[in-house]
Amino acid sequence: MRAAATDGLNRHITRMWPKREPEILQGGSIYWVIKGVIQARQPILRLDEVVGEDGIRRCAIVMKPGLIRTQHALKRPFQGWRYLKQEDAPADLPKGHTHEEPIPAELSAALAEIGVR
């Protein structure tokens, strides 16, 4: 669930509070998984507590506006996003690049599967 508050920042609402909160708040990002491939990230600014209409406490992950495109990396989605340790995260695309240079889909998938891409 994504929502915008009065400050205009995007939020991803999740049931569980992140266990790695200090690490996440020191430069962490949400990595967006689209069709089984990490394609972009958004830096996390802060975590806000929100209480739903049902009275249940949830976590709003507040993100910096805009997306940062990343190199594609295969990842099975579980909620369509995840935050990763730096060593597990795909590299950002160079500034000004909006997409990777196309390579055959089978080759791209094979490279991602063995961790090369």
PDB file of N, CA and C in Angstrom:
ATOM      1  N   MET A   1       0.851  -1.169   0.000  1.00  0.00           N
ATOM      2  CA  MET A   1       0.000   0.000   0.000  1.00  0.00           C
ATOM      3  C   MET A   1       0.900   1.236   0.000  1.00  0.00           C
ATOM      4  N   ARG A   2       0.715   2.108  -0.940  1.00  0.00           N
ATOM      5  CA  ARG A   2       1.462   3.366  -0.983  1.00  0.00           C
ATOM      6  C   ARG A   2       0.494   4.493  -0.716  1.00  0.00           C
ATOM      7  N   ALA A   3       0.962   5.465   0.023  1.00  0.00           N
ATOM      8  CA  ALA A   3       0.102   6.600   0.358  1.00  0.00           C
ATOM      9  C   ALA A   3       0.955   7.854   0.439  1.00  0.00           C
ATOM     10  N   ALA A   4       0.352   8.989   0.150  1.00  0.00           N
ATOM     11  CA  ALA A   4       1.036  10.274   0.300  1.00  0.00           C
ATOM     12  C   ALA A   4       0.356  11.031   1.432  1.00  0.00           C
ATOM     13  N   ALA A   5       1.150  11.642   2.283  1.00  0.00           N
ATOM     14  CA  ALA A   5       0.599  12.436   3.383  1.00  0.00           C
ATOM     15  C   ALA A   5       0.602  13.900   2.962  1.00  0.00           C
ATOM     16  N   THR A   6       0.262  14.754   3.897  1.00  0.00           N
ATOM     17  CA  THR A   6       0.161  16.169   3.569  1.00  0.00           C
ATOM     18  C   THR A   6       1.505  16.777   3.195  1.00  0.00           C
ATOM     19  N   ASP A   7       2.618  16.142   3.550  1.00  0.00           N
ATOM     20  CA  ASP A   7       3.928  16.681   3.189  1.00  0.00           C
ATOM     21  C   ASP A   7       4.316  16.321   1.751  1.00  0.00           C
ATOM     22  N   GLY A   8       3.486  15.536   1.053  1.00  0.00           N
ATOM     23  CA  GLY A   8       3.739  15.186  -0.339  1.00  0.00           C
ATOM     24  C   GLY A   8       4.712  14.043  -0.543  1.00  0.00           C
ATOM     25  N   LEU A   9       5.252  13.473   0.536  1.00  0.00           N
ATOM     26  CA  LEU A   9       6.199  12.367   0.409  1.00  0.00           C
ATOM     27  C   LEU A   9       5.454  11.046   0.293  1.00  0.00           C
ATOM     28  N   ASN A  10       5.997  10.141  -0.513  1.00  0.00           N
ATOM     29  CA  ASN A  10       5.397   8.817  -0.658  1.00  0.00           C
ATOM     30  C   ASN A  10       5.711   7.969   0.557  1.00  0.00           C
ATOM     31  N   ARG A  11       4.763   7.116   0.898  1.00  0.00           N
ATOM     32  CA  ARG A  11       4.922   6.199   2.009  1.00  0.00           C
ATOM     33  C   ARG A  11       4.509   4.808   1.557  1.00  0.00           C
ATOM     34  N   HIS A  12       5.229   3.838   2.023  1.00  0.00           N
ATOM     35  CA  HIS A  12       4.833   2.447   1.832  1.00  0.00           C
ATOM     36  C   HIS A  12       4.418   1.954   3.213  1.00  0.00           C
ATOM     37  N   ILE A  13       3.159   1.549   3.351  1.00  0.00           N
ATOM     38  CA  ILE A  13       2.623   1.116   4.636  1.00  0.00           C
ATOM     39  C   ILE A  13       2.795  -0.400   4.739  1.00  0.00           C
ATOM     40  N   THR A  14       3.394  -0.839   5.834  1.00  0.00           N
ATOM     41  CA  THR A  14       3.606  -2.262   6.055  1.00  0.00           C
ATOM     42  C   THR A  14       3.166  -2.634   7.462  1.00  0.00           C
ATOM     43  N   ARG A  15       2.764  -3.876   7.644  1.00  0.00           N
ATOM     44  CA  ARG A  15       2.269  -4.319   8.947  1.00  0.00           C
ATOM     45  C   ARG A  15       3.368  -4.377  10.003  1.00  0.00           C
ATOM     46  N   MET A  16       4.552  -4.776   9.605  1.00  0.00           N
ATOM     47  CA  MET A  16       5.626  -5.018  10.558  1.00  0.00           C
ATOM     48  C   MET A  16       6.616  -3.851  10.577  1.00  0.00           C
ATOM     49  N   TRP A  17       7.104  -3.522  11.765  1.00  0.00           N
ATOM     50  CA  TRP A  17       8.150  -2.513  11.902  1.00  0.00           C
ATOM     51  C   TRP A  17       9.467  -3.166  11.516  1.00  0.00           C
ATOM     52  N   PRO A  18      10.297  -2.526  10.686  1.00  0.00           N
ATOM     53  CA  PRO A  18      11.551  -3.155  10.265  1.00  0.00           C
ATOM     54  C   PRO A  18      12.467  -3.461  11.452  1.00  0.00           C
ATOM     55  N   LYS A  19      12.986  -4.687  11.470  1.00  0.00           N
ATOM     56  CA  LYS A  19      13.893  -5.107  12.540  1.00  0.00           C
ATOM     57  C   LYS A  19      15.251  -4.440  12.414  1.00  0.00           C
ATOM     58  N   ARG A  20      15.612  -4.029  11.206  1.00  0.00           N
ATOM     59  CA  ARG A  20      16.920  -3.407  10.961  1.00  0.00           C
ATOM     60  C   ARG A  20      16.790  -1.889  10.885  1.00  0.00           C
ATOM     61  N   GLU A  21      15.941  -1.306  11.723  1.00  0.00           N
ATOM     62  CA  GLU A  21      15.648   0.124  11.663  1.00  0.00           C
ATOM     63  C   GLU A  21      16.899   1.005  11.650  1.00  0.00           C
ATOM     64  N   PRO A  22      17.849   0.864  12.591  1.00  0.00           N
ATOM     65  CA  PRO A  22      19.013   1.772  12.572  1.00  0.00           C
ATOM     66  C   PRO A  22      19.796   1.708  11.262  1.00  0.00           C
ATOM     67  N   GLU A  23      19.971   0.499  10.746  1.00  0.00           N
ATOM     68  CA  GLU A  23      20.691   0.317   9.484  1.00  0.00           C
ATOM     69  C   GLU A  23      19.935   0.966   8.321  1.00  0.00           C
ATOM     70  N   ILE A  24      18.631   0.776   8.302  1.00  0.00           N
ATOM     71  CA  ILE A  24      17.798   1.314   7.224  1.00  0.00           C
ATOM     72  C   ILE A  24      17.824   2.839   7.226  1.00  0.00           C
ATOM     73  N   LEU A  25      17.809   3.432   8.409  1.00  0.00           N
ATOM     74  CA  LEU A  25      17.760   4.896   8.510  1.00  0.00           C
ATOM     75  C   LEU A  25      19.114   5.554   8.243  1.00  0.00           C
ATOM     76  N   GLN A  26      20.151   4.770   8.057  1.00  0.00           N
ATOM     77  CA  GLN A  26      21.472   5.317   7.741  1.00  0.00           C
ATOM     78  C   GLN A  26      21.797   5.100   6.270  1.00  0.00           C
ATOM     79  N   GLY A  27      20.902   5.526   5.403  1.00  0.00           N
ATOM     80  CA  GLY A  27      21.165   5.462   3.966  1.00  0.00           C
ATOM     81  C   GLY A  27      20.507   4.299   3.254  1.00  0.00           C
ATOM     82  N   GLY A  28      19.524   3.652   3.875  1.00  0.00           N
ATOM     83  CA  GLY A  28      18.851   2.531   3.237  1.00  0.00           C
ATOM     84  C   GLY A  28      17.881   2.972   2.153  1.00  0.00           C
ATOM     85  N   SER A  29      17.503   2.036   1.321  1.00  0.00           N
ATOM     86  CA  SER A  29      16.559   2.278   0.230  1.00  0.00           C
ATOM     87  C   SER A  29      15.584   1.131   0.150  1.00  0.00           C
ATOM     88  N   ILE A  30      14.428   1.410  -0.424  1.00  0.00           N
ATOM     89  CA  ILE A  30      13.509   0.357  -0.850  1.00  0.00           C
ATOM     90  C   ILE A  30      13.875   0.050  -2.296  1.00  0.00           C
ATOM     91  N   TYR A  31      14.019  -1.232  -2.604  1.00  0.00           N
ATOM     92  CA  TYR A  31      14.303  -1.672  -3.968  1.00  0.00           C
ATOM     93  C   TYR A  31      13.014  -2.228  -4.542  1.00  0.00           C
ATOM     94  N   TRP A  32      12.571  -1.669  -5.662  1.00  0.00           N
ATOM     95  CA  TRP A  32      11.300  -2.039  -6.264  1.00  0.00           C
ATOM     96  C   TRP A  32      11.490  -3.219  -7.211  1.00  0.00           C
ATOM     97  N   VAL A  33      10.735  -4.285  -6.951  1.00  0.00           N
ATOM     98  CA  VAL A  33      10.753  -5.507  -7.747  1.00  0.00           C
ATOM     99  C   VAL A  33       9.557  -5.442  -8.689  1.00  0.00           C
ATOM    100  N   ILE A  34       9.839  -5.448  -9.977  1.00  0.00           N
ATOM    101  CA  ILE A  34       8.799  -5.337 -10.994  1.00  0.00           C
ATOM    102  C   ILE A  34       8.943  -6.532 -11.929  1.00  0.00           C
ATOM    103  N   LYS A  35       7.912  -7.365 -11.970  1.00  0.00           N
ATOM    104  CA  LYS A  35       7.922  -8.574 -12.800  1.00  0.00           C
ATOM    105  C   LYS A  35       9.127  -9.453 -12.481  1.00  0.00           C
ATOM    106  N   GLY A  36       9.449  -9.596 -11.174  1.00  0.00           N
ATOM    107  CA  GLY A  36      10.521 -10.483 -10.748  1.00  0.00           C
ATOM    108  C   GLY A  36      11.919  -9.922 -10.915  1.00  0.00           C
ATOM    109  N   VAL A  37      12.033  -8.623 -11.208  1.00  0.00           N
ATOM    110  CA  VAL A  37      13.341  -8.006 -11.443  1.00  0.00           C
ATOM    111  C   VAL A  37      13.433  -6.700 -10.654  1.00  0.00           C
ATOM    112  N   ILE A  38      14.511  -6.543  -9.882  1.00  0.00           N
ATOM    113  CA  ILE A  38      14.763  -5.247  -9.243  1.00  0.00           C
ATOM    114  C   ILE A  38      15.123  -4.278 -10.353  1.00  0.00           C
ATOM    115  N   GLN A  39      14.396  -3.128 -10.405  1.00  0.00           N
ATOM    116  CA  GLN A  39      14.632  -2.170 -11.480  1.00  0.00           C
ATOM    117  C   GLN A  39      14.901  -0.761 -10.983  1.00  0.00           C
ATOM    118  N   ALA A  40      14.570  -0.482  -9.719  1.00  0.00           N
ATOM    119  CA  ALA A  40      14.723   0.880  -9.211  1.00  0.00           C
ATOM    120  C   ALA A  40      14.756   0.847  -7.687  1.00  0.00           C
ATOM    121  N   ARG A  41      15.169   1.976  -7.112  1.00  0.00           N
ATOM    122  CA  ARG A  41      15.176   2.105  -5.662  1.00  0.00           C
ATOM    123  C   ARG A  41      14.740   3.513  -5.274  1.00  0.00           C
ATOM    124  N   GLN A  42      14.316   3.649  -4.027  1.00  0.00           N
ATOM    125  CA  GLN A  42      13.989   4.955  -3.449  1.00  0.00           C
ATOM    126  C   GLN A  42      14.635   5.025  -2.075  1.00  0.00           C
ATOM    127  N   PRO A  43      15.454   6.045  -1.819  1.00  0.00           N
ATOM    128  CA  PRO A  43      16.048   6.195  -0.497  1.00  0.00           C
ATOM    129  C   PRO A  43      14.967   6.384   0.575  1.00  0.00           C
ATOM    130  N   ILE A  44      15.206   5.782   1.738  1.00  0.00           N
ATOM    131  CA  ILE A  44      14.278   5.875   2.862  1.00  0.00           C
ATOM    132  C   ILE A  44      14.687   7.066   3.726  1.00  0.00           C
ATOM    133  N   LEU A  45      13.724   7.936   4.003  1.00  0.00           N
ATOM    134  CA  LEU A  45      13.982   9.118   4.821  1.00  0.00           C
ATOM    135  C   LEU A  45      13.726   8.864   6.300  1.00  0.00           C
ATOM    136  N   ARG A  46      12.630   8.171   6.593  1.00  0.00           N
ATOM    137  CA  ARG A  46      12.281   7.918   7.996  1.00  0.00           C
ATOM    138  C   ARG A  46      11.169   6.873   8.059  1.00  0.00           C
ATOM    139  N   LEU A  47      10.880   6.423   9.285  1.00  0.00           N
ATOM    140  CA  LEU A  47       9.785   5.500   9.538  1.00  0.00           C
ATOM    141  C   LEU A  47       8.786   6.204  10.442  1.00  0.00           C
ATOM    142  N   ASP A  48       7.523   6.220  10.043  1.00  0.00           N
ATOM    143  CA  ASP A  48       6.465   6.849  10.841  1.00  0.00           C
ATOM    144  C   ASP A  48       5.497   5.777  11.313  1.00  0.00           C
ATOM    145  N   GLU A  49       5.022   5.930  12.528  1.00  0.00           N
ATOM    146  CA  GLU A  49       3.982   5.041  13.016  1.00  0.00           C
ATOM    147  C   GLU A  49       2.631   5.553  12.527  1.00  0.00           C
ATOM    148  N   VAL A  50       1.815   4.651  12.017  1.00  0.00           N
ATOM    149  CA  VAL A  50       0.450   4.993  11.619  1.00  0.00           C
ATOM    150  C   VAL A  50      -0.481   3.940  12.214  1.00  0.00           C
ATOM    151  N   VAL A  51      -1.652   4.371  12.561  1.00  0.00           N
ATOM    152  CA  VAL A  51      -2.662   3.461  13.088  1.00  0.00           C
ATOM    153  C   VAL A  51      -3.831   3.471  12.110  1.00  0.00           C
ATOM    154  N   GLY A  52      -4.173   2.299  11.621  1.00  0.00           N
ATOM    155  CA  GLY A  52      -5.246   2.180  10.646  1.00  0.00           C
ATOM    156  C   GLY A  52      -6.610   2.350  11.266  1.00  0.00           C
ATOM    157  N   GLU A  53      -7.612   2.409  10.417  1.00  0.00           N
ATOM    158  CA  GLU A  53      -8.993   2.525  10.885  1.00  0.00           C
ATOM    159  C   GLU A  53      -9.385   1.345  11.770  1.00  0.00           C
ATOM    160  N   ASP A  54      -8.666   0.235  11.605  1.00  0.00           N
ATOM    161  CA  ASP A  54      -8.934  -0.953  12.413  1.00  0.00           C
ATOM    162  C   ASP A  54      -8.228  -0.916  13.765  1.00  0.00           C
ATOM    163  N   GLY A  55      -7.477   0.185  14.028  1.00  0.00           N
ATOM    164  CA  GLY A  55      -6.784   0.340  15.299  1.00  0.00           C
ATOM    165  C   GLY A  55      -5.441  -0.369  15.370  1.00  0.00           C
ATOM    166  N   ILE A  56      -5.000  -0.978  14.274  1.00  0.00           N
ATOM    167  CA  ILE A  56      -3.738  -1.718  14.268  1.00  0.00           C
ATOM    168  C   ILE A  56      -2.585  -0.783  13.915  1.00  0.00           C
ATOM    169  N   ARG A  57      -1.502  -0.862  14.703  1.00  0.00           N
ATOM    170  CA  ARG A  57      -0.292  -0.064  14.488  1.00  0.00           C
ATOM    171  C   ARG A  57       0.458  -0.634  13.286  1.00  0.00           C
ATOM    172  N   ARG A  58       0.867   0.266  12.408  1.00  0.00           N
ATOM    173  CA  ARG A  58       1.636  -0.117  11.224  1.00  0.00           C
ATOM    174  C   ARG A  58       2.818   0.829  11.066  1.00  0.00           C
ATOM    175  N   CYS A  59       3.693   0.501  10.125  1.00  0.00           N
ATOM    176  CA  CYS A  59       4.862   1.322   9.843  1.00  0.00           C
ATOM    177  C   CYS A  59       4.710   1.951   8.465  1.00  0.00           C
ATOM    178  N   ALA A  60       4.891   3.263   8.400  1.00  0.00           N
ATOM    179  CA  ALA A  60       4.918   3.972   7.119  1.00  0.00           C
ATOM    180  C   ALA A  60       6.384   4.244   6.790  1.00  0.00           C
ATOM    181  N   ILE A  61       6.871   3.621   5.741  1.00  0.00           N
ATOM    182  CA  ILE A  61       8.244   3.858   5.290  1.00  0.00           C
ATOM    183  C   ILE A  61       8.183   5.077   4.375  1.00  0.00           C
ATOM    184  N   VAL A  62       8.771   6.185   4.833  1.00  0.00           N
ATOM    185  CA  VAL A  62       8.717   7.453   4.107  1.00  0.00           C
ATOM    186  C   VAL A  62       9.928   7.521   3.181  1.00  0.00           C
ATOM    187  N   MET A  63       9.664   7.764   1.888  1.00  0.00           N
ATOM    188  CA  MET A  63      10.711   7.714   0.875  1.00  0.00           C
ATOM    189  C   MET A  63      10.966   9.060   0.225  1.00  0.00           C
ATOM    190  N   LYS A  64      12.193   9.244  -0.198  1.00  0.00           N
ATOM    191  CA  LYS A  64      12.575  10.430  -0.969  1.00  0.00           C
ATOM    192  C   LYS A  64      11.828  10.389  -2.301  1.00  0.00           C
ATOM    193  N   PRO A  65      11.337  11.535  -2.783  1.00  0.00           N
ATOM    194  CA  PRO A  65      10.624  11.537  -4.068  1.00  0.00           C
ATOM    195  C   PRO A  65      11.517  11.083  -5.225  1.00  0.00           C
ATOM    196  N   GLY A  66      10.905  10.470  -6.204  1.00  0.00           N
ATOM    197  CA  GLY A  66      11.617  10.048  -7.411  1.00  0.00           C
ATOM    198  C   GLY A  66      12.242   8.678  -7.263  1.00  0.00           C
ATOM    199  N   LEU A  67      12.510   8.070  -8.406  1.00  0.00           N
ATOM    200  CA  LEU A  67      13.134   6.752  -8.449  1.00  0.00           C
ATOM    201  C   LEU A  67      14.559   6.868  -8.957  1.00  0.00           C
ATOM    202  N   ILE A  68      15.420   6.010  -8.443  1.00  0.00           N
ATOM    203  CA  ILE A  68      16.787   5.878  -8.945  1.00  0.00           C
ATOM    204  C   ILE A  68      16.835   4.536  -9.661  1.00  0.00           C
ATOM    205  N   ARG A  69      17.061   4.565 -10.951  1.00  0.00           N
ATOM    206  CA  ARG A  69      17.113   3.330 -11.735  1.00  0.00           C
ATOM    207  C   ARG A  69      18.347   2.529 -11.357  1.00  0.00           C
ATOM    208  N   THR A  70      18.191   1.202 -11.307  1.00  0.00           N
ATOM    209  CA  THR A  70      19.303   0.319 -10.973  1.00  0.00           C
ATOM    210  C   THR A  70      19.533  -0.670 -12.099  1.00  0.00           C
ATOM    211  N   GLN A  71      20.687  -1.309 -12.044  1.00  0.00           N
ATOM    212  CA  GLN A  71      20.901  -2.430 -12.944  1.00  0.00           C
ATOM    213  C   GLN A  71      19.868  -3.482 -12.587  1.00  0.00           C
ATOM    214  N   HIS A  72      19.422  -4.216 -13.565  1.00  0.00           N
ATOM    215  CA  HIS A  72      18.408  -5.234 -13.316  1.00  0.00           C
ATOM    216  C   HIS A  72      19.027  -6.405 -12.558  1.00  0.00           C
ATOM    217  N   ALA A  73      18.260  -6.926 -11.614  1.00  0.00           N
ATOM    218  CA  ALA A  73      18.687  -8.104 -10.860  1.00  0.00           C
ATOM    219  C   ALA A  73      17.452  -8.943 -10.572  1.00  0.00           C
ATOM    220  N   LEU A  74      17.519 -10.240 -10.866  1.00  0.00           N
ATOM    221  CA  LEU A  74      16.380 -11.116 -10.587  1.00  0.00           C
ATOM    222  C   LEU A  74      16.158 -11.208  -9.090  1.00  0.00           C
ATOM    223  N   LYS A  75      14.915 -11.124  -8.691  1.00  0.00           N
ATOM    224  CA  LYS A  75      14.564 -11.253  -7.269  1.00  0.00           C
ATOM    225  C   LYS A  75      13.115 -11.675  -7.217  1.00  0.00           C
ATOM    226  N   ARG A  76      12.846 -12.743  -6.513  1.00  0.00           N
ATOM    227  CA  ARG A  76      11.461 -13.157  -6.362  1.00  0.00           C
ATOM    228  C   ARG A  76      10.736 -12.130  -5.500  1.00  0.00           C
ATOM    229  N   PRO A  77       9.670 -11.547  -6.010  1.00  0.00           N
ATOM    230  CA  PRO A  77       8.948 -10.567  -5.195  1.00  0.00           C
ATOM    231  C   PRO A  77       8.134 -11.258  -4.117  1.00  0.00           C
ATOM    232  N   PHE A  78       8.029 -10.590  -2.981  1.00  0.00           N
ATOM    233  CA  PHE A  78       7.132 -11.094  -1.955  1.00  0.00           C
ATOM    234  C   PHE A  78       6.136 -10.014  -1.594  1.00  0.00           C
ATOM    235  N   GLN A  79       6.512  -8.754  -1.670  1.00  0.00           N
ATOM    236  CA  GLN A  79       5.576  -7.652  -1.532  1.00  0.00           C
ATOM    237  C   GLN A  79       5.824  -6.619  -2.636  1.00  0.00           C
ATOM    238  N   GLY A  80       6.669  -6.954  -3.598  1.00  0.00           N
ATOM    239  CA  GLY A  80       6.958  -6.029  -4.684  1.00  0.00           C
ATOM    240  C   GLY A  80       8.070  -5.065  -4.351  1.00  0.00           C
ATOM    241  N   TRP A  81       8.659  -5.176  -3.171  1.00  0.00           N
ATOM    242  CA  TRP A  81       9.743  -4.289  -2.755  1.00  0.00           C
ATOM    243  C   TRP A  81      10.562  -5.019  -1.709  1.00  0.00           C
ATOM    244  N   ARG A  82      11.711  -4.513  -1.399  1.00  0.00           N
ATOM    245  CA  ARG A  82      12.499  -4.992  -0.261  1.00  0.00           C
ATOM    246  C   ARG A  82      13.630  -4.038  -0.007  1.00  0.00           C
ATOM    247  N   TYR A  83      14.156  -4.053   1.190  1.00  0.00           N
ATOM    248  CA  TYR A  83      15.368  -3.303   1.447  1.00  0.00           C
ATOM    249  C   TYR A  83      16.484  -4.318   1.576  1.00  0.00           C
ATOM    250  N   LEU A  84      17.645  -3.959   1.067  1.00  0.00           N
ATOM    251  CA  LEU A  84      18.751  -4.897   0.944  1.00  0.00           C
ATOM    252  C   LEU A  84      19.994  -4.388   1.651  1.00  0.00           C
ATOM    253  N   LYS A  85      20.842  -5.322   2.054  1.00  0.00           N
ATOM    254  CA  LYS A  85      22.173  -4.953   2.520  1.00  0.00           C
ATOM    255  C   LYS A  85      22.934  -4.409   1.314  1.00  0.00           C
ATOM    256  N   GLN A  86      23.839  -3.486   1.565  1.00  0.00           N
ATOM    257  CA  GLN A  86      24.550  -2.835   0.459  1.00  0.00           C
ATOM    258  C   GLN A  86      25.234  -3.845  -0.454  1.00  0.00           C
ATOM    259  N   GLU A  87      25.822  -4.895   0.138  1.00  0.00           N
ATOM    260  CA  GLU A  87      26.542  -5.874  -0.688  1.00  0.00           C
ATOM    261  C   GLU A  87      25.601  -6.733  -1.541  1.00  0.00           C
ATOM    262  N   ASP A  88      24.313  -6.756  -1.214  1.00  0.00           N
ATOM    263  CA  ASP A  88      23.332  -7.530  -1.981  1.00  0.00           C
ATOM    264  C   ASP A  88      22.557  -6.682  -2.985  1.00  0.00           C
ATOM    265  N   ALA A  89      22.753  -5.385  -2.966  1.00  0.00           N
ATOM    266  CA  ALA A  89      21.966  -4.469  -3.793  1.00  0.00           C
ATOM    267  C   ALA A  89      22.589  -4.293  -5.180  1.00  0.00           C
ATOM    268  N   PRO A  90      21.746  -4.191  -6.212  1.00  0.00           N
ATOM    269  CA  PRO A  90      22.278  -3.902  -7.543  1.00  0.00           C
ATOM    270  C   PRO A  90      22.781  -2.461  -7.606  1.00  0.00           C
ATOM    271  N   ALA A  91      23.743  -2.245  -8.469  1.00  0.00           N
ATOM    272  CA  ALA A  91      24.317  -0.908  -8.634  1.00  0.00           C
ATOM    273  C   ALA A  91      23.326   0.024  -9.326  1.00  0.00           C
ATOM    274  N   ASP A  92      23.435   1.306  -9.016  1.00  0.00           N
ATOM    275  CA  ASP A  92      22.635   2.311  -9.711  1.00  0.00           C
ATOM    276  C   ASP A  92      23.117   2.431 -11.146  1.00  0.00           C
ATOM    277  N   LEU A  93      22.204   2.767 -12.043  1.00  0.00           N
ATOM    278  CA  LEU A  93      22.612   3.099 -13.404  1.00  0.00           C
ATOM    279  C   LEU A  93      23.304   4.457 -13.368  1.00  0.00           C
ATOM    280  N   PRO A  94      24.253   4.704 -14.254  1.00  0.00           N
ATOM    281  CA  PRO A  94      24.907   6.019 -14.279  1.00  0.00           C
ATOM    282  C   PRO A  94      23.881   7.131 -14.493  1.00  0.00           C
ATOM    283  N   LYS A  95      24.154   8.300 -13.935  1.00  0.00           N
ATOM    284  CA  LYS A  95      23.236   9.440 -14.078  1.00  0.00           C
ATOM    285  C   LYS A  95      22.982   9.709 -15.560  1.00  0.00           C
ATOM    286  N   GLY A  96      21.741  10.010 -15.881  1.00  0.00           N
ATOM    287  CA  GLY A  96      21.369  10.284 -17.260  1.00  0.00           C
ATOM    288  C   GLY A  96      20.913   9.049 -18.019  1.00  0.00           C
ATOM    289  N   HIS A  97      21.224   7.861 -17.498  1.00  0.00           N
ATOM    290  CA  HIS A  97      20.749   6.633 -18.143  1.00  0.00           C
ATOM    291  C   HIS A  97      19.404   6.280 -17.550  1.00  0.00           C
ATOM    292  N   THR A  98      18.420   6.127 -18.412  1.00  0.00           N
ATOM    293  CA  THR A  98      17.089   5.773 -17.919  1.00  0.00           C
ATOM    294  C   THR A  98      16.825   4.284 -18.049  1.00  0.00           C
ATOM    295  N   HIS A  99      17.708   3.585 -18.743  1.00  0.00           N
ATOM    296  CA  HIS A  99      17.561   2.146 -18.883  1.00  0.00           C
ATOM    297  C   HIS A  99      18.909   1.544 -19.239  1.00  0.00           C
ATOM    298  N   GLU A 100      19.019   0.253 -19.056  1.00  0.00           N
ATOM    299  CA  GLU A 100      20.234  -0.446 -19.453  1.00  0.00           C
ATOM    300  C   GLU A 100      20.218  -0.678 -20.952  1.00  0.00           C
ATOM    301  N   GLU A 101      21.394  -0.790 -21.526  1.00  0.00           N
ATOM    302  CA  GLU A 101      21.467  -1.144 -22.934  1.00  0.00           C
ATOM    303  C   GLU A 101      20.865  -2.537 -23.095  1.00  0.00           C
ATOM    304  N   PRO A 102      20.011  -2.712 -24.076  1.00  0.00           N
ATOM    305  CA  PRO A 102      19.342  -4.006 -24.199  1.00  0.00           C
ATOM    306  C   PRO A 102      20.317  -5.117 -24.573  1.00  0.00           C
ATOM    307  N   ILE A 103      20.159  -6.235 -23.898  1.00  0.00           N
ATOM    308  CA  ILE A 103      20.839  -7.467 -24.290  1.00  0.00           C
ATOM    309  C   ILE A 103      19.733  -8.511 -24.376  1.00  0.00           C
ATOM    310  N   PRO A 104      19.969  -9.593 -25.058  1.00  0.00           N
ATOM    311  CA  PRO A 104      18.912 -10.598 -25.189  1.00  0.00           C
ATOM    312  C   PRO A 104      18.377 -11.012 -23.811  1.00  0.00           C
ATOM    313  N   ALA A 105      17.059 -11.154 -23.720  1.00  0.00           N
ATOM    314  CA  ALA A 105      16.408 -11.466 -22.443  1.00  0.00           C
ATOM    315  C   ALA A 105      16.944 -12.746 -21.824  1.00  0.00           C
ATOM    316  N   GLU A 106      17.189 -13.780 -22.644  1.00  0.00           N
ATOM    317  CA  GLU A 106      17.696 -15.047 -22.109  1.00  0.00           C
ATOM    318  C   GLU A 106      19.076 -14.864 -21.495  1.00  0.00           C
ATOM    319  N   LEU A 107      19.939 -14.082 -22.130  1.00  0.00           N
ATOM    320  CA  LEU A 107      21.270 -13.831 -21.605  1.00  0.00           C
ATOM    321  C   LEU A 107      21.197 -13.012 -20.319  1.00  0.00           C
ATOM    322  N   SER A 108      20.352 -11.994 -20.312  1.00  0.00           N
ATOM    323  CA  SER A 108      20.189 -11.168 -19.120  1.00  0.00           C
ATOM    324  C   SER A 108      19.715 -12.005 -17.936  1.00  0.00           C
ATOM    325  N   ALA A 109      18.740 -12.875 -18.171  1.00  0.00           N
ATOM    326  CA  ALA A 109      18.223 -13.726 -17.098  1.00  0.00           C
ATOM    327  C   ALA A 109      19.291 -14.697 -16.610  1.00  0.00           C
ATOM    328  N   ALA A 110      20.059 -15.269 -17.530  1.00  0.00           N
ATOM    329  CA  ALA A 110      21.102 -16.225 -17.155  1.00  0.00           C
ATOM    330  C   ALA A 110      22.186 -15.534 -16.327  1.00  0.00           C
ATOM    331  N   LEU A 111      22.577 -14.315 -16.722  1.00  0.00           N
ATOM    332  CA  LEU A 111      23.582 -13.577 -15.973  1.00  0.00           C
ATOM    333  C   LEU A 111      23.084 -13.216 -14.576  1.00  0.00           C
ATOM    334  N   ALA A 112      21.844 -12.777 -14.502  1.00  0.00           N
ATOM    335  CA  ALA A 112      21.268 -12.434 -13.200  1.00  0.00           C
ATOM    336  C   ALA A 112      21.166 -13.662 -12.317  1.00  0.00           C
ATOM    337  N   GLU A 113      20.834 -14.795 -12.895  1.00  0.00           N
ATOM    338  CA  GLU A 113      20.669 -16.024 -12.128  1.00  0.00           C
ATOM    339  C   GLU A 113      21.967 -16.471 -11.481  1.00  0.00           C
ATOM    340  N   ILE A 114      23.082 -16.257 -12.141  1.00  0.00           N
ATOM    341  CA  ILE A 114      24.367 -16.669 -11.563  1.00  0.00           C
ATOM    342  C   ILE A 114      25.041 -15.534 -10.791  1.00  0.00           C
ATOM    343  N   GLY A 115      24.349 -14.402 -10.695  1.00  0.00           N
ATOM    344  CA  GLY A 115      24.849 -13.302  -9.882  1.00  0.00           C
ATOM    345  C   GLY A 115      25.853 -12.396 -10.554  1.00  0.00           C
ATOM    346  N   VAL A 116      25.958 -12.468 -11.865  1.00  0.00           N
ATOM    347  CA  VAL A 116      26.905 -11.635 -12.607  1.00  0.00           C
ATOM    348  C   VAL A 116      26.309 -10.288 -12.956  1.00  0.00           C
ATOM    349  N   ARG A 117      25.014 -10.212 -13.025  1.00  0.00           N
ATOM    350  CA  ARG A 117      24.338  -9.007 -13.473  1.00  0.00           C
ATOM    351  C   ARG A 117      23.364  -8.578 -12.436  1.00  0.00           C
TER     352      ARG A 117
END
